[in-house]
Amino acid sequence: MRIEILSGASEDLLEGYRFYERQAPGLGAYFRDSLYSDIDLLLVNAGIHRIVYRKHRALSRRFPYAIYYSIEADVVLVSAILDCRRSISWTRRRLRRT
């Protein structure tokens, strides 16, 4: 099994990195590394997470973010990495674009 991070999810990750880096220097790098660690865990745990808005949703262990993904054959497709503090309607609209 392998993981593919789609362009929308890469943009989400970059947006989160920038947000946390503005909060404190170095925090953005910690955020990025933490989320990549959570994504790497999908190699072992893919498919066990609850389905929300037609995607599996894995919650980050250290930040209030959710990783939305699907599984196709032997590939985990990460389609979005979203801040859980956003409104439900915003999240729903964002996931419709994936």
Protein backbone atom coordinates (compact mmCIF):
# COMPACT_ATOMS: atom_id res chain seq x y z
CA MET A 1 0.00 0.00 0.00
CA ARG A 2 1.17 3.53 -0.69
CA ILE A 3 -0.06 7.03 0.16
CA GLU A 4 -0.73 9.79 -2.35
CA ILE A 5 -1.39 13.33 -1.12
CA LEU A 6 -3.55 15.12 -3.67
CA SER A 7 -2.90 18.75 -4.58
CA GLY A 8 -5.83 20.10 -2.53
CA ALA A 9 -4.53 18.35 0.58
CA SER A 10 -1.03 19.71 -0.06
CA GLU A 11 -2.50 23.22 -0.19
CA ASP A 12 -4.39 22.57 3.06
CA LEU A 13 -1.16 21.46 4.70
CA LEU A 14 0.69 24.54 3.48
CA GLU A 15 -2.11 26.80 4.74
CA GLY A 16 -1.92 25.16 8.18
CA TYR A 17 1.86 25.47 8.19
CA ARG A 18 1.66 29.20 7.45
CA PHE A 19 -0.98 29.73 10.14
CA TYR A 20 1.05 28.05 12.86
CA GLU A 21 4.32 29.62 11.74
CA ARG A 22 2.70 33.07 12.22
CA GLN A 23 1.79 32.03 15.77
CA ALA A 24 5.38 31.15 16.74
CA PRO A 25 8.55 30.53 14.73
CA GLY A 26 9.10 26.79 14.36
CA LEU A 27 5.52 25.84 15.23
CA GLY A 28 4.66 25.54 11.55
CA ALA A 29 7.42 22.97 11.04
CA TYR A 30 6.20 21.05 14.10
CA PHE A 31 2.67 21.12 12.66
CA ARG A 32 3.86 19.85 9.28
CA ASP A 33 5.97 17.08 10.79
CA SER A 34 3.11 16.02 13.09
CA LEU A 35 0.62 15.84 10.24
CA TYR A 36 3.05 13.87 8.05
CA SER A 37 3.46 11.45 10.96
CA ASP A 38 -0.33 11.08 11.19
CA ILE A 39 -0.51 10.52 7.43
CA ASP A 40 2.24 7.89 7.60
CA LEU A 41 0.13 5.97 10.14
CA LEU A 42 -2.44 5.47 7.38
CA LEU A 43 -0.13 2.80 5.93
CA VAL A 44 -1.09 0.69 8.94
CA ASN A 45 -4.53 2.06 9.87
CA ALA A 46 -6.14 2.94 6.53
CA GLY A 47 -9.79 2.04 6.40
CA ILE A 48 -10.47 1.82 10.14
CA HIS A 49 -11.56 5.43 10.51
CA ARG A 50 -15.12 6.64 10.54
CA ILE A 51 -16.61 7.74 7.22
CA VAL A 52 -17.68 11.39 7.23
CA TYR A 53 -18.97 13.11 4.08
CA ARG A 54 -18.14 10.00 2.02
CA LYS A 55 -14.45 10.01 3.07
CA HIS A 56 -12.57 8.28 5.86
CA ARG A 57 -11.64 10.82 8.54
CA ALA A 58 -8.51 10.36 10.65
CA LEU A 59 -7.99 12.89 13.43
CA SER A 60 -4.54 14.31 14.07
CA ARG A 61 -3.03 13.38 17.42
CA ARG A 62 -1.51 16.80 18.17
CA PHE A 63 -3.47 19.45 16.27
CA PRO A 64 -7.20 20.04 15.73
CA TYR A 65 -7.03 18.79 12.14
CA ALA A 66 -8.71 15.96 10.27
CA ILE A 67 -7.22 14.00 7.39
CA TYR A 68 -9.84 12.99 4.83
CA TYR A 69 -8.92 10.09 2.59
CA SER A 70 -10.23 7.29 0.43
CA ILE A 71 -8.77 3.95 -0.58
CA GLU A 72 -8.54 2.85 -4.19
CA ALA A 73 -6.92 -0.52 -4.86
CA ASP A 74 -3.66 -0.33 -2.90
CA VAL A 75 -3.45 3.48 -2.73
CA VAL A 76 -4.55 5.75 0.12
CA LEU A 77 -5.63 9.03 -1.49
CA VAL A 78 -5.43 11.94 0.95
CA SER A 79 -7.86 14.49 -0.46
CA ALA A 80 -8.07 17.09 2.32
CA ILE A 81 -6.40 18.10 5.58
CA LEU A 82 -8.85 20.41 7.34
CA ASP A 83 -9.00 22.43 10.54
CA CYS A 84 -11.72 20.95 12.75
CA ARG A 85 -12.47 24.41 14.16
CA ARG A 86 -13.98 25.53 10.84
CA SER A 87 -17.73 25.46 10.40
CA ILE A 88 -19.39 22.24 9.34
CA SER A 89 -20.83 23.90 6.25
CA TRP A 90 -17.37 25.11 5.18
CA THR A 91 -15.96 21.59 5.63
CA ARG A 92 -18.80 20.06 3.65
CA ARG A 93 -18.32 22.52 0.77
CA ARG A 94 -14.55 21.94 0.76
CA LEU A 95 -14.97 18.17 0.62
CA ARG A 96 -17.42 18.40 -2.30
CA ARG A 97 -14.56 19.81 -4.38
CA THR A 98 -12.45 16.67 -3.86
